Amino acid sequence: IDITSYKLQGRTLRVNIKNRLSRLPFPYEEPFEIDLKVEGLPDQGKYTLMINNREHAQVTASELSRYRIVIPGSSK
């Protein structure tokens, strides 16, 4: 995957992800898991995690240090 952008706005962390496997001539159609690793957040309180402009979860900085995400398969 590619992390195309990320931004912390207050207590909201916005992450935009692009699935590189979707660009293959025969895209990978099955969902797969990745670990998102976030470091350096200002405190351990709850953050809203937005992935590709959709609210994904309310998580702590500790949980974001290694947070599992399921990437859907391509539907090309």
PDB file of N, CA and C in Angstrom:
ATOM      1  N   ILE A   1       0.845  -1.187   0.000  1.00  0.00           N
ATOM      2  CA  ILE A   1       0.000   0.000   0.000  1.00  0.00           C
ATOM      3  C   ILE A   1       0.882   1.238   0.000  1.00  0.00           C
ATOM      4  N   ASP A   2       0.301   2.353  -0.353  1.00  0.00           N
ATOM      5  CA  ASP A   2       0.957   3.657  -0.257  1.00  0.00           C
ATOM      6  C   ASP A   2       0.153   4.514   0.714  1.00  0.00           C
ATOM      7  N   ILE A   3       0.847   5.175   1.627  1.00  0.00           N
ATOM      8  CA  ILE A   3       0.221   6.225   2.434  1.00  0.00           C
ATOM      9  C   ILE A   3       0.406   7.495   1.616  1.00  0.00           C
ATOM     10  N   THR A   4      -0.674   7.998   1.030  1.00  0.00           N
ATOM     11  CA  THR A   4      -0.557   9.151   0.139  1.00  0.00           C
ATOM     12  C   THR A   4      -0.566  10.472   0.902  1.00  0.00           C
ATOM     13  N   SER A   5      -1.186  10.479   2.096  1.00  0.00           N
ATOM     14  CA  SER A   5      -1.144  11.678   2.933  1.00  0.00           C
ATOM     15  C   SER A   5      -1.606  11.322   4.342  1.00  0.00           C
ATOM     16  N   TYR A   6      -1.229  12.176   5.277  1.00  0.00           N
ATOM     17  CA  TYR A   6      -1.699  12.041   6.659  1.00  0.00           C
ATOM     18  C   TYR A   6      -1.667  13.417   7.296  1.00  0.00           C
ATOM     19  N   LYS A   7      -2.577  13.630   8.259  1.00  0.00           N
ATOM     20  CA  LYS A   7      -2.642  14.928   8.918  1.00  0.00           C
ATOM     21  C   LYS A   7      -3.348  14.767  10.257  1.00  0.00           C
ATOM     22  N   LEU A   8      -2.781  15.375  11.287  1.00  0.00           N
ATOM     23  CA  LEU A   8      -3.413  15.410  12.600  1.00  0.00           C
ATOM     24  C   LEU A   8      -4.068  16.772  12.757  1.00  0.00           C
ATOM     25  N   GLN A   9      -5.399  16.775  12.943  1.00  0.00           N
ATOM     26  CA  GLN A   9      -6.161  18.003  13.161  1.00  0.00           C
ATOM     27  C   GLN A   9      -6.867  17.857  14.502  1.00  0.00           C
ATOM     28  N   GLY A  10      -6.336  18.498  15.523  1.00  0.00           N
ATOM     29  CA  GLY A  10      -6.914  18.335  16.856  1.00  0.00           C
ATOM     30  C   GLY A  10      -6.777  16.886  17.301  1.00  0.00           C
ATOM     31  N   ARG A  11      -7.899  16.217  17.494  1.00  0.00           N
ATOM     32  CA  ARG A  11      -7.896  14.818  17.930  1.00  0.00           C
ATOM     33  C   ARG A  11      -8.299  13.879  16.786  1.00  0.00           C
ATOM     34  N   THR A  12      -8.213  14.365  15.560  1.00  0.00           N
ATOM     35  CA  THR A  12      -8.545  13.555  14.388  1.00  0.00           C
ATOM     36  C   THR A  12      -7.293  13.325  13.559  1.00  0.00           C
ATOM     37  N   LEU A  13      -6.987  12.056  13.330  1.00  0.00           N
ATOM     38  CA  LEU A  13      -5.866  11.676  12.475  1.00  0.00           C
ATOM     39  C   LEU A  13      -6.438  11.196  11.151  1.00  0.00           C
ATOM     40  N   ARG A  14      -6.098  11.914  10.086  1.00  0.00           N
ATOM     41  CA  ARG A  14      -6.569  11.561   8.742  1.00  0.00           C
ATOM     42  C   ARG A  14      -5.436  10.878   7.986  1.00  0.00           C
ATOM     43  N   VAL A  15      -5.729   9.688   7.456  1.00  0.00           N
ATOM     44  CA  VAL A  15      -4.748   8.920   6.695  1.00  0.00           C
ATOM     45  C   VAL A  15      -5.397   8.518   5.377  1.00  0.00           C
ATOM     46  N   ASN A  16      -4.709   8.799   4.284  1.00  0.00           N
ATOM     47  CA  ASN A  16      -5.184   8.361   2.974  1.00  0.00           C
ATOM     48  C   ASN A  16      -4.276   7.252   2.477  1.00  0.00           C
ATOM     49  N   ILE A  17      -4.904   6.143   2.115  1.00  0.00           N
ATOM     50  CA  ILE A  17      -4.198   4.928   1.717  1.00  0.00           C
ATOM     51  C   ILE A  17      -4.610   4.547   0.305  1.00  0.00           C
ATOM     52  N   LYS A  18      -3.627   4.120  -0.483  1.00  0.00           N
ATOM     53  CA  LYS A  18      -3.896   3.623  -1.834  1.00  0.00           C
ATOM     54  C   LYS A  18      -3.369   2.200  -1.929  1.00  0.00           C
ATOM     55  N   ASN A  19      -4.194   1.308  -2.432  1.00  0.00           N
ATOM     56  CA  ASN A  19      -3.828  -0.097  -2.586  1.00  0.00           C
ATOM     57  C   ASN A  19      -3.064  -0.277  -3.897  1.00  0.00           C
ATOM     58  N   ARG A  20      -1.758  -0.461  -3.815  1.00  0.00           N
ATOM     59  CA  ARG A  20      -0.931  -0.631  -5.019  1.00  0.00           C
ATOM     60  C   ARG A  20      -1.264  -1.914  -5.770  1.00  0.00           C
ATOM     61  N   LEU A  21      -1.758  -2.917  -5.068  1.00  0.00           N
ATOM     62  CA  LEU A  21      -2.097  -4.184  -5.725  1.00  0.00           C
ATOM     63  C   LEU A  21      -3.254  -4.026  -6.710  1.00  0.00           C
ATOM     64  N   SER A  22      -4.059  -2.976  -6.551  1.00  0.00           N
ATOM     65  CA  SER A  22      -5.181  -2.756  -7.469  1.00  0.00           C
ATOM     66  C   SER A  22      -4.702  -2.326  -8.854  1.00  0.00           C
ATOM     67  N   ARG A  23      -3.429  -1.936  -8.982  1.00  0.00           N
ATOM     68  CA  ARG A  23      -2.882  -1.507 -10.280  1.00  0.00           C
ATOM     69  C   ARG A  23      -2.331  -2.662 -11.113  1.00  0.00           C
ATOM     70  N   LEU A  24      -2.300  -3.852 -10.550  1.00  0.00           N
ATOM     71  CA  LEU A  24      -1.780  -5.002 -11.288  1.00  0.00           C
ATOM     72  C   LEU A  24      -2.705  -5.355 -12.453  1.00  0.00           C
ATOM     73  N   PRO A  25      -2.158  -5.961 -13.535  1.00  0.00           N
ATOM     74  CA  PRO A  25      -3.015  -6.382 -14.647  1.00  0.00           C
ATOM     75  C   PRO A  25      -4.126  -7.335 -14.181  1.00  0.00           C
ATOM     76  N   PHE A  26      -3.814  -8.171 -13.212  1.00  0.00           N
ATOM     77  CA  PHE A  26      -4.803  -9.052 -12.595  1.00  0.00           C
ATOM     78  C   PHE A  26      -4.789  -8.732 -11.103  1.00  0.00           C
ATOM     79  N   PRO A  27      -5.601  -7.746 -10.673  1.00  0.00           N
ATOM     80  CA  PRO A  27      -5.537  -7.254  -9.298  1.00  0.00           C
ATOM     81  C   PRO A  27      -5.788  -8.339  -8.258  1.00  0.00           C
ATOM     82  N   TYR A  28      -5.189  -8.128  -7.111  1.00  0.00           N
ATOM     83  CA  TYR A  28      -5.374  -9.008  -5.964  1.00  0.00           C
ATOM     84  C   TYR A  28      -6.782  -8.775  -5.431  1.00  0.00           C
ATOM     85  N   GLU A  29      -7.634  -9.774  -5.501  1.00  0.00           N
ATOM     86  CA  GLU A  29      -9.050  -9.588  -5.189  1.00  0.00           C
ATOM     87  C   GLU A  29      -9.425  -9.875  -3.741  1.00  0.00           C
ATOM     88  N   GLU A  30      -8.576 -10.556  -3.004  1.00  0.00           N
ATOM     89  CA  GLU A  30      -8.892 -10.920  -1.622  1.00  0.00           C
ATOM     90  C   GLU A  30      -8.494  -9.796  -0.663  1.00  0.00           C
ATOM     91  N   PRO A  31      -9.270  -9.593   0.400  1.00  0.00           N
ATOM     92  CA  PRO A  31      -8.848  -8.623   1.415  1.00  0.00           C
ATOM     93  C   PRO A  31      -7.585  -9.111   2.125  1.00  0.00           C
ATOM     94  N   PHE A  32      -6.794  -8.167   2.627  1.00  0.00           N
ATOM     95  CA  PHE A  32      -5.587  -8.518   3.369  1.00  0.00           C
ATOM     96  C   PHE A  32      -5.393  -7.526   4.504  1.00  0.00           C
ATOM     97  N   GLU A  33      -4.606  -7.922   5.492  1.00  0.00           N
ATOM     98  CA  GLU A  33      -4.388  -7.097   6.675  1.00  0.00           C
ATOM     99  C   GLU A  33      -3.024  -6.432   6.634  1.00  0.00           C
ATOM    100  N   ILE A  34      -2.983  -5.210   7.171  1.00  0.00           N
ATOM    101  CA  ILE A  34      -1.718  -4.498   7.349  1.00  0.00           C
ATOM    102  C   ILE A  34      -1.690  -3.945   8.772  1.00  0.00           C
ATOM    103  N   ASP A  35      -0.519  -3.611   9.252  1.00  0.00           N
ATOM    104  CA  ASP A  35      -0.373  -2.925  10.532  1.00  0.00           C
ATOM    105  C   ASP A  35       0.016  -1.480  10.261  1.00  0.00           C
ATOM    106  N   LEU A  36      -0.822  -0.557  10.714  1.00  0.00           N
ATOM    107  CA  LEU A  36      -0.529   0.867  10.642  1.00  0.00           C
ATOM    108  C   LEU A  36       0.218   1.224  11.918  1.00  0.00           C
ATOM    109  N   LYS A  37       1.379   1.862  11.778  1.00  0.00           N
ATOM    110  CA  LYS A  37       2.180   2.240  12.947  1.00  0.00           C
ATOM    111  C   LYS A  37       2.298   3.760  12.997  1.00  0.00           C
ATOM    112  N   VAL A  38       1.774   4.338  14.071  1.00  0.00           N
ATOM    113  CA  VAL A  38       1.780   5.791  14.250  1.00  0.00           C
ATOM    114  C   VAL A  38       2.571   6.104  15.513  1.00  0.00           C
ATOM    115  N   GLU A  39       3.516   7.035  15.401  1.00  0.00           N
ATOM    116  CA  GLU A  39       4.334   7.456  16.541  1.00  0.00           C
ATOM    117  C   GLU A  39       4.283   8.967  16.674  1.00  0.00           C
ATOM    118  N   GLY A  40       4.547   9.459  17.882  1.00  0.00           N
ATOM    119  CA  GLY A  40       4.710  10.891  18.102  1.00  0.00           C
ATOM    120  C   GLY A  40       3.440  11.673  18.356  1.00  0.00           C
ATOM    121  N   LEU A  41       2.334  11.008  18.665  1.00  0.00           N
ATOM    122  CA  LEU A  41       1.118  11.749  18.992  1.00  0.00           C
ATOM    123  C   LEU A  41       1.305  12.455  20.331  1.00  0.00           C
ATOM    124  N   PRO A  42       0.665  13.622  20.518  1.00  0.00           N
ATOM    125  CA  PRO A  42       0.937  14.442  21.691  1.00  0.00           C
ATOM    126  C   PRO A  42       0.564  13.831  23.042  1.00  0.00           C
ATOM    127  N   ASP A  43      -0.463  12.965  23.098  1.00  0.00           N
ATOM    128  CA  ASP A  43      -0.841  12.367  24.383  1.00  0.00           C
ATOM    129  C   ASP A  43      -1.542  11.035  24.153  1.00  0.00           C
ATOM    130  N   GLN A  44      -1.899  10.373  25.247  1.00  0.00           N
ATOM    131  CA  GLN A  44      -2.480   9.027  25.170  1.00  0.00           C
ATOM    132  C   GLN A  44      -4.003   9.011  25.090  1.00  0.00           C
ATOM    133  N   GLY A  45      -4.624  10.175  24.961  1.00  0.00           N
ATOM    134  CA  GLY A  45      -6.087  10.213  24.887  1.00  0.00           C
ATOM    135  C   GLY A  45      -6.619   9.551  23.620  1.00  0.00           C
ATOM    136  N   LYS A  46      -7.939   9.593  23.464  1.00  0.00           N
ATOM    137  CA  LYS A  46      -8.592   8.996  22.296  1.00  0.00           C
ATOM    138  C   LYS A  46      -8.453   9.911  21.076  1.00  0.00           C
ATOM    139  N   TYR A  47      -8.254   9.278  19.933  1.00  0.00           N
ATOM    140  CA  TYR A  47      -8.184   9.964  18.646  1.00  0.00           C
ATOM    141  C   TYR A  47      -9.206   9.340  17.702  1.00  0.00           C
ATOM    142  N   THR A  48      -9.743  10.153  16.810  1.00  0.00           N
ATOM    143  CA  THR A  48     -10.593   9.634  15.748  1.00  0.00           C
ATOM    144  C   THR A  48      -9.692   9.330  14.565  1.00  0.00           C
ATOM    145  N   LEU A  49      -9.701   8.087  14.125  1.00  0.00           N
ATOM    146  CA  LEU A  49      -8.910   7.677  12.967  1.00  0.00           C
ATOM    147  C   LEU A  49      -9.806   7.705  11.739  1.00  0.00           C
ATOM    148  N   MET A  50      -9.429   8.535  10.774  1.00  0.00           N
ATOM    149  CA  MET A  50     -10.146   8.628   9.498  1.00  0.00           C
ATOM    150  C   MET A  50      -9.255   8.002   8.432  1.00  0.00           C
ATOM    151  N   ILE A  51      -9.792   7.055   7.689  1.00  0.00           N
ATOM    152  CA  ILE A  51      -9.049   6.433   6.599  1.00  0.00           C
ATOM    153  C   ILE A  51      -9.809   6.697   5.312  1.00  0.00           C
ATOM    154  N   ASN A  52      -9.120   7.332   4.358  1.00  0.00           N
ATOM    155  CA  ASN A  52      -9.727   7.689   3.069  1.00  0.00           C
ATOM    156  C   ASN A  52     -11.050   8.434   3.270  1.00  0.00           C
ATOM    157  N   ASN A  53     -11.021   9.422   4.165  1.00  0.00           N
ATOM    158  CA  ASN A  53     -12.146  10.319   4.445  1.00  0.00           C
ATOM    159  C   ASN A  53     -13.354   9.645   5.079  1.00  0.00           C
ATOM    160  N   ARG A  54     -13.156   8.463   5.670  1.00  0.00           N
ATOM    161  CA  ARG A  54     -14.235   7.785   6.389  1.00  0.00           C
ATOM    162  C   ARG A  54     -13.780   7.529   7.821  1.00  0.00           C
ATOM    163  N   GLU A  55     -14.699   7.767   8.773  1.00  0.00           N
ATOM    164  CA  GLU A  55     -14.346   7.489  10.166  1.00  0.00           C
ATOM    165  C   GLU A  55     -14.156   5.989  10.339  1.00  0.00           C
ATOM    166  N   HIS A  56     -13.010   5.608  10.872  1.00  0.00           N
ATOM    167  CA  HIS A  56     -12.662   4.193  11.013  1.00  0.00           C
ATOM    168  C   HIS A  56     -12.806   3.723  12.455  1.00  0.00           C
ATOM    169  N   ALA A  57     -12.283   4.490  13.421  1.00  0.00           N
ATOM    170  CA  ALA A  57     -12.313   4.039  14.814  1.00  0.00           C
ATOM    171  C   ALA A  57     -11.930   5.173  15.751  1.00  0.00           C
ATOM    172  N   GLN A  58     -12.280   4.995  17.030  1.00  0.00           N
ATOM    173  CA  GLN A  58     -11.805   5.839  18.123  1.00  0.00           C
ATOM    174  C   GLN A  58     -10.728   5.025  18.825  1.00  0.00           C
ATOM    175  N   VAL A  59      -9.493   5.506  18.812  1.00  0.00           N
ATOM    176  CA  VAL A  59      -8.373   4.722  19.342  1.00  0.00           C
ATOM    177  C   VAL A  59      -7.415   5.614  20.123  1.00  0.00           C
ATOM    178  N   THR A  60      -6.650   4.990  21.010  1.00  0.00           N
ATOM    179  CA  THR A  60      -5.645   5.724  21.778  1.00  0.00           C
ATOM    180  C   THR A  60      -4.327   5.747  21.005  1.00  0.00           C
ATOM    181  N   ALA A  61      -3.432   6.622  21.430  1.00  0.00           N
ATOM    182  CA  ALA A  61      -2.100   6.679  20.816  1.00  0.00           C
ATOM    183  C   ALA A  61      -1.393   5.340  20.965  1.00  0.00           C
ATOM    184  N   SER A  62      -1.573   4.698  22.106  1.00  0.00           N
ATOM    185  CA  SER A  62      -0.958   3.389  22.333  1.00  0.00           C
ATOM    186  C   SER A  62      -1.481   2.355  21.333  1.00  0.00           C
ATOM    187  N   GLU A  63      -2.782   2.352  21.091  1.00  0.00           N
ATOM    188  CA  GLU A  63      -3.366   1.421  20.113  1.00  0.00           C
ATOM    189  C   GLU A  63      -2.860   1.712  18.702  1.00  0.00           C
ATOM    190  N   LEU A  64      -2.617   2.991  18.413  1.00  0.00           N
ATOM    191  CA  LEU A  64      -2.142   3.364  17.078  1.00  0.00           C
ATOM    192  C   LEU A  64      -0.674   3.022  16.852  1.00  0.00           C
ATOM    193  N   SER A  65       0.036   2.661  17.907  1.00  0.00           N
ATOM    194  CA  SER A  65       1.438   2.294  17.714  1.00  0.00           C
ATOM    195  C   SER A  65       1.558   1.022  16.869  1.00  0.00           C
ATOM    196  N   ARG A  66       0.493   0.234  16.826  1.00  0.00           N
ATOM    197  CA  ARG A  66       0.428  -0.944  15.945  1.00  0.00           C
ATOM    198  C   ARG A  66      -1.046  -1.301  15.791  1.00  0.00           C
ATOM    199  N   TYR A  67      -1.669  -0.737  14.759  1.00  0.00           N
ATOM    200  CA  TYR A  67      -3.110  -0.868  14.567  1.00  0.00           C
ATOM    201  C   TYR A  67      -3.396  -1.655  13.289  1.00  0.00           C
ATOM    202  N   ARG A  68      -4.122  -2.750  13.426  1.00  0.00           N
ATOM    203  CA  ARG A  68      -4.419  -3.634  12.290  1.00  0.00           C
ATOM    204  C   ARG A  68      -5.584  -3.083  11.467  1.00  0.00           C
ATOM    205  N   ILE A  69      -5.383  -3.034  10.149  1.00  0.00           N
ATOM    206  CA  ILE A  69      -6.399  -2.565   9.203  1.00  0.00           C
ATOM    207  C   ILE A  69      -6.589  -3.640   8.142  1.00  0.00           C
ATOM    208  N   VAL A  70      -7.841  -3.866   7.749  1.00  0.00           N
ATOM    209  CA  VAL A  70      -8.129  -4.781   6.645  1.00  0.00           C
ATOM    210  C   VAL A  70      -8.299  -3.943   5.382  1.00  0.00           C
ATOM    211  N   ILE A  71      -7.490  -4.263   4.371  1.00  0.00           N
ATOM    212  CA  ILE A  71      -7.570  -3.593   3.072  1.00  0.00           C
ATOM    213  C   ILE A  71      -8.456  -4.456   2.176  1.00  0.00           C
ATOM    214  N   PRO A  72      -9.543  -3.894   1.642  1.00  0.00           N
ATOM    215  CA  PRO A  72     -10.411  -4.710   0.792  1.00  0.00           C
ATOM    216  C   PRO A  72      -9.716  -5.074  -0.516  1.00  0.00           C
ATOM    217  N   GLY A  73     -10.117  -6.179  -1.090  1.00  0.00           N
ATOM    218  CA  GLY A  73      -9.579  -6.580  -2.385  1.00  0.00           C
ATOM    219  C   GLY A  73     -10.058  -5.644  -3.478  1.00  0.00           C
ATOM    220  N   SER A  74      -9.394  -5.715  -4.609  1.00  0.00           N
ATOM    221  CA  SER A  74      -9.749  -4.875  -5.746  1.00  0.00           C
ATOM    222  C   SER A  74     -10.971  -5.454  -6.449  1.00  0.00           C
ATOM    223  N   SER A  75     -11.781  -4.585  -6.998  1.00  0.00           N
ATOM    224  CA  SER A  75     -12.966  -5.049  -7.729  1.00  0.00           C
ATOM    225  C   SER A  75     -12.908  -4.637  -9.193  1.00  0.00           C
ATOM    226  N   LYS A  76     -11.711  -4.635  -9.772  1.00  0.00           N
ATOM    227  CA  LYS A  76     -11.542  -4.263 -11.176  1.00  0.00           C
ATOM    228  C   LYS A  76     -12.202  -5.257 -12.081  1.00  0.00           C
TER     229      LYS A  76
END
